[in-house]
Amino acid sequence: MTKTQRGGQVAKVARQVKGTAGRAVAKAKASRPVRKVQVTLGDLIAAAFDVAGETKAAAKLVSSRAMAEATGKQIVFVG
């Protein structure tokens, strides 16, 4: 949330930020019908690592809300 000042008054302006993964899922939903594919957890992690390039970024991507909506499962990394 940011604050802007106009004429001596302070107004709060809320911003809705949508992550890139969320935009990709929304775009995929709108563009074509969903095809169900069976993928292992290792395949998801490997693909996320290929895209993100770092371990922490891959873990964040795989455990994101958009990925949970896409897979129907919540993935949590511990450690």
Protein backbone atom coordinates (compact mmCIF):
# COMPACT_ATOMS: atom_id res chain seq x y z
CA MET A 1 0.00 0.00 0.00
CA THR A 2 1.34 3.41 -0.86
CA LYS A 3 0.43 6.86 0.38
CA THR A 4 -0.10 9.85 -1.85
CA GLN A 5 -0.51 13.43 -0.72
CA ARG A 6 -2.98 15.68 -2.47
CA GLY A 7 -3.91 19.12 -1.18
CA GLY A 8 -2.66 18.46 2.34
CA GLN A 9 -4.60 15.20 2.68
CA VAL A 10 -3.00 11.80 2.70
CA ALA A 11 -4.83 9.18 0.67
CA LYS A 12 -3.98 5.50 0.76
CA VAL A 13 -3.77 3.77 -2.58
CA ALA A 14 -3.90 -0.02 -2.58
CA ARG A 15 -2.23 -1.97 -5.34
CA GLN A 16 -3.01 -5.49 -6.35
CA VAL A 17 0.14 -7.25 -7.48
CA LYS A 18 -0.15 -10.49 -9.37
CA GLY A 19 2.97 -12.62 -9.72
CA THR A 20 4.24 -13.91 -13.01
CA ALA A 21 3.17 -17.46 -12.18
CA GLY A 22 -0.34 -16.21 -11.47
CA ARG A 23 -0.47 -14.37 -14.77
CA ALA A 24 0.72 -17.46 -16.63
CA VAL A 25 -1.97 -19.63 -15.03
CA ALA A 26 -4.66 -17.04 -15.76
CA LYS A 27 -3.51 -16.72 -19.36
CA ALA A 28 -3.47 -20.50 -19.81
CA LYS A 29 -7.00 -20.79 -18.41
CA ALA A 30 -8.30 -18.19 -20.82
CA SER A 31 -6.52 -19.38 -23.95
CA ARG A 32 -7.35 -23.07 -24.29
CA PRO A 33 -8.99 -26.01 -22.52
CA VAL A 34 -6.99 -27.79 -19.84
CA ARG A 35 -5.46 -31.13 -20.69
CA LYS A 36 -4.77 -33.40 -17.71
CA VAL A 37 -1.23 -34.76 -17.57
CA GLN A 38 0.32 -36.95 -14.92
CA VAL A 39 3.57 -35.39 -13.68
CA THR A 40 5.82 -36.45 -10.81
CA LEU A 41 6.96 -34.11 -8.08
CA GLY A 42 10.54 -34.51 -9.32
CA ASP A 43 9.49 -33.35 -12.80
CA LEU A 44 7.85 -30.25 -11.31
CA ILE A 45 10.92 -29.41 -9.25
CA ALA A 46 13.26 -29.96 -12.21
CA ALA A 47 11.14 -27.74 -14.46
CA ALA A 48 10.95 -25.02 -11.78
CA PHE A 49 14.74 -25.16 -11.35
CA ASP A 50 15.22 -24.85 -15.12
CA VAL A 51 13.00 -21.76 -15.18
CA ALA A 52 14.18 -20.10 -11.94
CA GLY A 53 17.86 -21.04 -11.99
CA GLU A 54 18.26 -21.03 -8.19
CA THR A 55 17.23 -23.49 -5.51
CA LYS A 56 15.35 -20.97 -3.37
CA ALA A 57 13.56 -19.46 -6.35
CA ALA A 58 12.55 -22.92 -7.58
CA ALA A 59 11.20 -23.82 -4.13
CA LYS A 60 9.23 -20.56 -4.02
CA LEU A 61 7.79 -21.21 -7.47
CA VAL A 62 6.77 -24.82 -6.75
CA SER A 63 5.20 -23.89 -3.41
CA SER A 64 3.35 -20.84 -4.81
CA ARG A 65 -0.41 -20.39 -4.65
CA ALA A 66 -0.69 -20.47 -8.45
CA MET A 67 1.06 -23.86 -8.56
CA ALA A 68 -1.28 -25.15 -5.86
CA GLU A 69 -4.27 -24.04 -7.94
CA ALA A 70 -2.83 -25.61 -11.08
CA THR A 71 -1.95 -28.96 -9.48
CA GLY A 72 -4.70 -29.17 -6.90
CA LYS A 73 -2.08 -29.90 -4.22
CA GLN A 74 -0.19 -27.66 -1.79
CA ILE A 75 3.56 -28.38 -1.89
CA VAL A 76 5.53 -27.36 1.21
CA PHE A 77 9.33 -27.41 1.55
CA VAL A 78 10.72 -27.96 5.05
CA GLY A 79 14.30 -27.27 6.00
